[in-house]
Amino acid sequence: MIELHHLTKRYGDKLAVDDLSFRIPEGVVTGFLGPNGAGKSTTMRMILDLDRPTAGKVTINGRSYASVQNPLREIGALLEAKGVHPGRTAYDHLLWMAQSNRIPRERVDQVLEVVGLTAVAKKRARGFSLGMGQRLGIASALLGDPKILMFDEPVNGLDPEGIVWIRKLMKALAAEGRTVFVSSHLMSEMALTADHLVVIGRGRLLADLPMAEFIRQNSRSAVRLRTPQPEQLLDALRGAGLTAEPGPDGAWEVVDGDPALLGDLAAAHGITLHELSPQQASLEDAFMQMTADSVEYHTDVATTTGATGAAAPQPAQQQPGWGAGWDARQAGKES
């Protein structure tokens, strides 16, 4: 279990994390969401003692990370897949980490098999594709068989098979009672993976609740109705004290409507329905709704397109770097 207690981090006059408190429970996959610049990277670095908080603290199973004797046995993390010496083979990289944390040598072969890198175990990291590097980073996180796993953008570079694999892996780890904490910008993938969500914006906690509840609270649900008898439908709805809004394709939408009640109402009035379908917003819709006021960079499509409608080039936004210090920090805990 990971607990954050009033965690705060300042970089000069910039407040990156602002009095953040939440608990990451065992047995579920907890998704960590927020717009760019929200403080996710800084928060994850402070959990792992890679950055020192300005105020507040983090406890891992009731203790500080600094007090952990063999860190990889308690918490495994994928923060930067490129944090590997390019001249090392996959096997040697994992063996070095294992020896620095008193992990048996045979565990190296086990995790290489789990992530599908056995065939390239003796290949140097400089020749790895992005996806292979990502798998090696996941192997590093799994090496100590820890009870706590943290993943930052774990599907980067993975092909569709790899994305399904990591999704199933995280769910399986959580089902074993482990703490699984994952940050991602891919809303569609997070919706399929996470059971619980922690959402931050501008360094502050915006939400800490189950996935279904988050979507319900931050999105609009409706029942879509399409009929060749729109006037009769509207009259029937008004008679029942309901209102409908026009939707696409000549359809009508009843916000927060009950599909069964609406179907019975139409039948009672002899109204033919060509469609009756509940409409539920996606995680992406709910996320955009909640974080609308917390986005650091706003764009206007109208001002970034030319006469042809093609988007004008925009400056690349620099993502906060994790650096390559994770492995060295792990080894340093033992030195």
Protein backbone atom coordinates (compact mmCIF):
# COMPACT_ATOMS: atom_id res chain seq x y z
CA MET A 1 0.00 0.00 0.00
CA ILE A 2 1.17 3.53 -0.81
CA GLU A 3 -0.08 6.55 1.11
CA LEU A 4 0.57 10.21 0.32
CA HIS A 5 0.24 12.65 3.20
CA HIS A 6 -0.09 16.35 2.24
CA LEU A 7 2.62 15.99 -0.39
CA THR A 8 3.89 19.29 -1.78
CA LYS A 9 6.68 20.10 -4.21
CA ARG A 10 7.97 23.49 -5.32
CA TYR A 11 10.52 24.25 -8.01
CA GLY A 12 11.41 27.84 -7.30
CA ASP A 13 8.16 29.79 -7.58
CA LYS A 14 6.37 26.97 -9.41
CA LEU A 15 4.09 24.78 -7.31
CA ALA A 16 4.21 21.39 -9.05
CA VAL A 17 2.36 19.34 -6.41
CA ASP A 18 -0.03 21.02 -4.01
CA ASP A 19 -0.95 19.36 -0.68
CA LEU A 20 -1.69 16.01 -2.30
CA SER A 21 -3.13 13.23 -0.13
CA PHE A 22 -4.49 9.87 -1.30
CA ARG A 23 -4.09 6.14 -0.75
CA ILE A 24 -3.27 3.55 -3.41
CA PRO A 25 -4.94 0.31 -2.28
CA GLU A 26 -4.05 -3.32 -2.84
CA GLY A 27 -5.92 -5.69 -5.10
CA VAL A 28 -7.01 -3.23 -7.79
CA VAL A 29 -5.41 -1.43 -10.71
CA THR A 30 -5.36 2.28 -9.82
CA GLY A 31 -5.12 4.63 -12.79
CA PHE A 32 -3.30 7.95 -12.33
CA LEU A 33 -4.63 10.63 -14.68
CA GLY A 34 -4.06 14.31 -15.25
CA PRO A 35 -3.34 16.78 -18.07
CA ASN A 36 0.23 17.49 -19.11
CA GLY A 37 1.91 19.51 -16.38
CA ALA A 38 -0.51 18.26 -13.71
CA GLY A 39 2.29 16.90 -11.51
CA LYS A 40 1.98 13.16 -12.21
CA SER A 41 5.65 12.63 -12.99
CA THR A 42 6.79 14.63 -9.98
CA THR A 43 4.42 12.71 -7.73
CA MET A 44 5.68 9.33 -8.94
CA ARG A 45 9.29 10.45 -8.51
CA MET A 46 8.59 11.51 -4.93
CA ILE A 47 6.96 8.16 -4.16
CA LEU A 48 10.25 6.52 -5.20
CA ASP A 49 12.42 9.04 -3.33
CA LEU A 50 13.91 10.30 -6.59
CA ASP A 51 12.69 13.81 -5.71
CA ARG A 52 12.41 15.17 -2.19
CA PRO A 53 9.08 16.79 -1.27
CA THR A 54 9.02 20.38 -0.10
CA ALA A 55 6.46 19.29 2.49
CA GLY A 56 4.48 16.19 3.39
CA LYS A 57 5.55 12.57 3.10
CA VAL A 58 4.98 9.23 1.37
CA THR A 59 4.76 5.91 3.18
CA ILE A 60 5.09 2.48 1.57
CA ASN A 61 3.57 -0.24 3.72
CA GLY A 62 3.79 2.21 6.60
CA ARG A 63 7.46 3.11 6.08
CA SER A 64 9.43 5.65 4.09
CA TYR A 65 11.06 4.47 0.87
CA ALA A 66 14.48 5.45 2.25
CA SER A 67 14.13 2.84 5.01
CA VAL A 68 13.56 -0.04 2.56
CA GLN A 69 16.61 -2.33 2.53
CA ASN A 70 15.96 -4.19 -0.74
CA PRO A 71 13.77 -1.81 -2.75
CA LEU A 72 13.12 -4.07 -5.74
CA ARG A 73 11.64 -6.69 -3.44
CA GLU A 74 9.03 -4.22 -2.18
CA ILE A 75 8.29 -1.92 -5.09
CA GLY A 76 8.98 -2.34 -8.80
CA ALA A 77 8.68 0.59 -11.19
CA LEU A 78 8.81 1.37 -14.88
CA LEU A 79 9.38 5.10 -15.15
CA GLU A 80 11.76 5.41 -18.09
CA ALA A 81 12.34 2.44 -20.36
CA LYS A 82 15.48 4.09 -21.76
CA GLY A 83 17.18 4.07 -18.36
CA VAL A 84 19.42 1.19 -19.46
CA HIS A 85 23.11 1.26 -20.36
CA PRO A 86 23.09 0.77 -24.17
CA GLY A 87 26.12 -1.50 -24.04
CA ARG A 88 24.56 -3.99 -21.65
CA THR A 89 22.61 -7.01 -22.76
CA ALA A 90 19.09 -7.51 -21.44
CA TYR A 91 20.34 -10.39 -19.31
CA ASP A 92 23.29 -8.48 -17.84
CA HIS A 93 21.14 -5.46 -17.08
CA LEU A 94 18.70 -7.57 -15.09
CA LEU A 95 21.50 -9.58 -13.45
CA TRP A 96 23.15 -6.37 -12.23
CA MET A 97 19.85 -5.21 -10.73
CA ALA A 98 19.26 -8.64 -9.17
CA GLN A 99 22.69 -8.76 -7.53
CA SER A 100 22.30 -5.22 -6.16
CA ASN A 101 19.08 -6.26 -4.40
CA ARG A 102 20.02 -9.83 -3.35
CA ILE A 103 17.63 -11.43 -5.84
CA PRO A 104 18.47 -14.98 -7.03
CA ARG A 105 20.05 -15.25 -10.48
CA GLU A 106 17.34 -17.64 -11.70
CA ARG A 107 14.78 -14.88 -11.35
CA VAL A 108 16.39 -13.12 -14.33
CA ASP A 109 15.47 -15.96 -16.68
CA GLN A 110 11.96 -16.08 -15.22
CA VAL A 111 11.14 -12.43 -15.90
CA LEU A 112 12.74 -12.52 -19.36
CA GLU A 113 10.33 -15.33 -20.19
CA VAL A 114 7.35 -13.45 -18.70
CA VAL A 115 7.97 -10.40 -20.90
CA GLY A 116 8.89 -12.39 -24.01
CA LEU A 117 12.55 -11.39 -24.29
CA THR A 118 14.23 -14.77 -23.81
CA ALA A 119 15.26 -14.94 -27.46
CA VAL A 120 17.08 -11.59 -27.27
CA ALA A 121 18.45 -11.91 -23.73
CA LYS A 122 22.05 -11.62 -25.00
CA LYS A 123 21.33 -8.70 -27.31
CA ARG A 124 22.66 -5.27 -26.31
CA ALA A 125 20.06 -2.68 -25.36
CA ARG A 126 21.26 -0.23 -28.00
CA GLY A 127 19.71 -2.48 -30.63
CA PHE A 128 16.31 -2.70 -28.95
CA SER A 129 13.20 -1.24 -30.48
CA LEU A 130 10.99 0.99 -28.34
CA GLY A 131 8.69 -1.95 -27.63
CA MET A 132 11.56 -4.24 -26.64
CA GLY A 133 12.93 -1.56 -24.33
CA GLN A 134 9.50 -1.23 -22.77
CA ARG A 135 9.34 -4.97 -22.13
CA LEU A 136 12.79 -4.86 -20.53
CA GLY A 137 11.61 -2.06 -18.26
CA ILE A 138 8.61 -4.16 -17.24
CA ALA A 139 10.95 -7.09 -16.55
CA SER A 140 12.99 -4.81 -14.29
CA ALA A 141 9.87 -3.86 -12.35
CA LEU A 142 8.89 -7.52 -11.91
CA LEU A 143 12.39 -8.71 -11.00
CA GLY A 144 12.03 -8.64 -7.21
CA ASP A 145 8.50 -10.11 -7.27
CA PRO A 146 7.31 -7.01 -5.37
CA LYS A 147 3.93 -6.44 -3.80
CA ILE A 148 3.77 -2.93 -5.28
CA LEU A 149 4.11 -2.11 -9.00
CA MET A 150 4.23 1.34 -10.60
CA PHE A 151 4.06 1.85 -14.36
CA ASP A 152 4.33 5.15 -16.25
CA GLU A 153 2.94 4.93 -19.81
CA PRO A 154 3.51 1.14 -19.94
CA VAL A 155 2.06 0.62 -23.44
CA ASN A 156 4.45 3.04 -25.19
CA GLY A 157 5.94 1.31 -28.22
CA LEU A 158 4.01 -1.94 -27.76
CA ASP A 159 2.16 -3.52 -30.65
CA PRO A 160 -1.52 -4.53 -30.25
CA GLU A 161 -0.56 -7.97 -28.92
CA GLY A 162 1.77 -6.33 -26.42
CA ILE A 163 -0.91 -3.88 -25.28
CA VAL A 164 -3.34 -6.72 -24.58
CA TRP A 165 -0.56 -8.61 -22.78
CA ILE A 166 0.38 -5.75 -20.42
CA ARG A 167 -3.30 -5.08 -19.70
CA LYS A 168 -3.84 -8.71 -18.69
CA LEU A 169 -0.60 -8.71 -16.70
CA MET A 170 -1.60 -5.69 -14.63
CA LYS A 171 -5.02 -7.15 -13.93
CA ALA A 172 -3.47 -10.49 -12.95
CA LEU A 173 -1.01 -8.77 -10.60
CA ALA A 174 -3.84 -6.87 -8.92
CA ALA A 175 -5.89 -10.09 -8.63
CA GLU A 176 -3.01 -11.54 -6.61
CA GLY A 177 -3.54 -8.77 -4.05
CA ARG A 178 -0.72 -6.51 -5.23
CA THR A 179 -0.82 -2.72 -5.45
CA VAL A 180 -0.75 -1.67 -9.12
CA PHE A 181 -0.43 2.05 -9.91
CA VAL A 182 -0.39 3.07 -13.59
CA SER A 183 -0.20 6.42 -15.32
CA SER A 184 -1.23 6.78 -18.97
CA HIS A 185 -2.55 9.31 -21.47
CA LEU A 186 -4.42 6.62 -23.40
CA MET A 187 -7.95 6.95 -22.07
CA SER A 188 -9.32 4.03 -24.06
CA GLU A 189 -6.68 1.71 -22.61
CA MET A 190 -7.09 3.05 -19.08
CA ALA A 191 -10.83 2.44 -19.32
CA LEU A 192 -10.13 -1.24 -20.03
CA THR A 193 -7.45 -1.63 -17.36
CA ALA A 194 -8.11 0.48 -14.26
CA ASP A 195 -10.62 -0.30 -11.52
CA HIS A 196 -9.99 2.88 -9.54
CA LEU A 197 -8.90 6.38 -10.59
CA VAL A 198 -6.85 9.13 -9.02
CA VAL A 199 -7.06 12.35 -11.05
CA ILE A 200 -4.97 15.46 -10.43
CA GLY A 201 -4.85 18.87 -12.06
CA ARG A 202 -2.33 21.64 -11.45
CA GLY A 203 -0.87 19.52 -8.66
CA ARG A 204 -4.14 19.18 -6.75
CA LEU A 205 -6.36 16.16 -6.19
CA LEU A 206 -9.50 16.31 -8.34
CA ALA A 207 -10.89 12.80 -7.88
CA ASP A 208 -10.19 9.57 -6.02
CA LEU A 209 -12.96 7.05 -6.72
CA PRO A 210 -13.91 3.90 -8.66
CA MET A 211 -13.87 4.09 -12.47
CA ALA A 212 -17.63 3.66 -12.93
CA GLU A 213 -18.41 6.31 -10.32
CA PHE A 214 -15.95 8.74 -11.91
CA ILE A 215 -17.64 8.40 -15.29
CA ARG A 216 -21.11 8.68 -13.76
CA GLN A 217 -20.28 11.85 -11.83
CA ASN A 218 -18.46 13.63 -14.64
CA SER A 219 -20.44 12.85 -17.76
CA ARG A 220 -23.87 13.09 -19.28
CA SER A 221 -25.95 9.96 -19.80
CA ALA A 222 -29.02 9.85 -22.03
CA VAL A 223 -31.36 7.51 -23.88
CA ARG A 224 -31.46 7.97 -27.64
CA LEU A 225 -34.83 7.52 -29.35
CA ARG A 226 -35.52 7.47 -33.09
CA THR A 227 -39.02 7.17 -34.49
CA PRO A 228 -41.03 7.97 -37.65
CA GLN A 229 -43.62 9.54 -35.27
CA PRO A 230 -41.64 12.33 -33.58
CA GLU A 231 -44.65 14.53 -32.72
CA GLN A 232 -46.47 11.69 -30.98
CA LEU A 233 -43.26 10.78 -29.12
CA LEU A 234 -42.74 14.33 -27.87
CA ASP A 235 -46.37 14.57 -26.76
CA ALA A 236 -46.05 11.28 -24.86
CA LEU A 237 -42.85 12.45 -23.19
CA ARG A 238 -44.39 15.77 -22.17
CA GLY A 239 -47.38 13.94 -20.75
CA ALA A 240 -45.03 11.87 -18.60
CA GLY A 241 -43.18 14.98 -17.39
CA LEU A 242 -40.11 14.25 -19.49
CA THR A 243 -38.23 16.46 -21.92
CA ALA A 244 -36.20 15.46 -24.98
CA GLU A 245 -33.38 17.22 -26.78
CA PRO A 246 -32.84 16.90 -30.54
CA GLY A 247 -29.96 14.62 -31.45
CA PRO A 248 -28.24 13.63 -34.70
CA ASP A 249 -30.05 11.88 -37.57
CA GLY A 250 -33.45 13.10 -36.43
CA ALA A 251 -33.17 11.29 -33.12
CA TRP A 252 -34.19 12.59 -29.70
CA GLU A 253 -32.31 12.21 -26.43
CA VAL A 254 -33.80 12.02 -22.95
CA VAL A 255 -31.12 12.96 -20.42
CA ASP A 256 -30.83 10.50 -17.51
CA GLY A 257 -33.78 8.59 -18.90
CA ASP A 258 -34.74 5.03 -17.99
CA PRO A 259 -34.67 2.86 -21.15
CA ALA A 260 -37.28 0.42 -19.83
CA LEU A 261 -39.67 3.22 -18.84
CA LEU A 262 -39.27 4.94 -22.22
CA GLY A 263 -39.84 1.70 -24.10
CA ASP A 264 -43.02 1.03 -22.12
CA LEU A 265 -44.18 4.62 -22.70
CA ALA A 266 -43.76 4.33 -26.46
CA ALA A 267 -45.58 0.98 -26.53
CA ALA A 268 -48.47 2.35 -24.48
CA HIS A 269 -48.97 5.14 -27.03
CA GLY A 270 -48.57 2.91 -30.08
CA ILE A 271 -45.37 4.68 -31.14
CA THR A 272 -42.99 2.79 -33.40
CA LEU A 273 -39.37 3.03 -32.30
CA HIS A 274 -36.54 2.43 -34.76
CA GLU A 275 -33.97 2.93 -32.02
CA LEU A 276 -33.90 2.96 -28.24
CA SER A 277 -30.33 2.97 -26.93
CA PRO A 278 -28.69 4.15 -23.71
CA GLN A 279 -25.83 6.59 -24.37
CA GLN A 280 -23.02 6.66 -21.80
CA ALA A 281 -20.05 8.98 -22.02
CA SER A 282 -16.57 7.49 -22.27
CA LEU A 283 -13.76 7.88 -19.76
CA GLU A 284 -12.21 10.40 -22.14
CA ASP A 285 -15.40 12.50 -22.11
CA ALA A 286 -15.57 12.40 -18.32
CA PHE A 287 -11.86 13.21 -17.99
CA MET A 288 -12.11 16.20 -20.34
CA GLN A 289 -15.13 17.47 -18.44
CA MET A 290 -13.41 17.25 -15.05
CA THR A 291 -10.04 18.66 -16.09
CA ALA A 292 -11.24 21.43 -18.40
CA ASP A 293 -10.06 24.11 -15.97
CA SER A 294 -6.77 22.36 -15.21
CA VAL A 295 -5.29 22.12 -18.70
CA GLU A 296 -2.06 24.06 -18.90
CA TYR A 297 -1.99 24.46 -22.69
CA HIS A 298 -5.16 25.20 -24.67
CA THR A 299 -5.39 25.14 -28.46
CA ASP A 300 -7.92 26.54 -30.87
CA VAL A 301 -8.47 24.44 -33.99
CA ALA A 302 -9.69 27.48 -35.87
CA THR A 303 -6.37 29.28 -35.40
CA THR A 304 -4.13 26.30 -36.13
CA THR A 305 -5.55 25.34 -39.51
CA GLY A 306 -4.87 26.89 -42.84
CA ALA A 307 -7.16 27.43 -45.80
CA THR A 308 -6.90 23.78 -46.75
CA GLY A 309 -7.96 22.66 -43.28
CA ALA A 310 -4.61 21.02 -42.56
CA ALA A 311 -3.34 21.57 -39.07
CA ALA A 312 -0.43 23.97 -38.84
CA PRO A 313 2.68 22.58 -37.17
CA GLN A 314 2.77 23.21 -33.44
CA PRO A 315 5.86 23.30 -31.23
CA ALA A 316 6.50 19.94 -29.61
CA GLN A 317 5.69 19.99 -25.93
CA GLN A 318 8.60 18.76 -23.87
CA GLN A 319 7.61 16.02 -21.45
CA PRO A 320 9.21 16.00 -18.02
CA GLY A 321 12.17 13.62 -18.17
CA TRP A 322 12.58 10.81 -15.71
CA GLY A 323 16.28 10.57 -16.42
CA ALA A 324 18.26 7.38 -16.28
CA GLY A 325 18.80 7.48 -12.55
CA TRP A 326 16.25 4.87 -11.52
CA ASP A 327 18.51 1.84 -11.85
CA ALA A 328 21.44 3.66 -10.29
CA ARG A 329 19.24 4.76 -7.40
CA GLN A 330 18.13 1.16 -6.86
CA ALA A 331 21.71 -0.04 -6.75
CA GLY A 332 22.65 2.88 -4.51
CA LYS A 333 20.21 1.67 -1.88
CA GLU A 334 22.47 -1.33 -1.44
CA SER A 335 25.83 0.41 -1.69
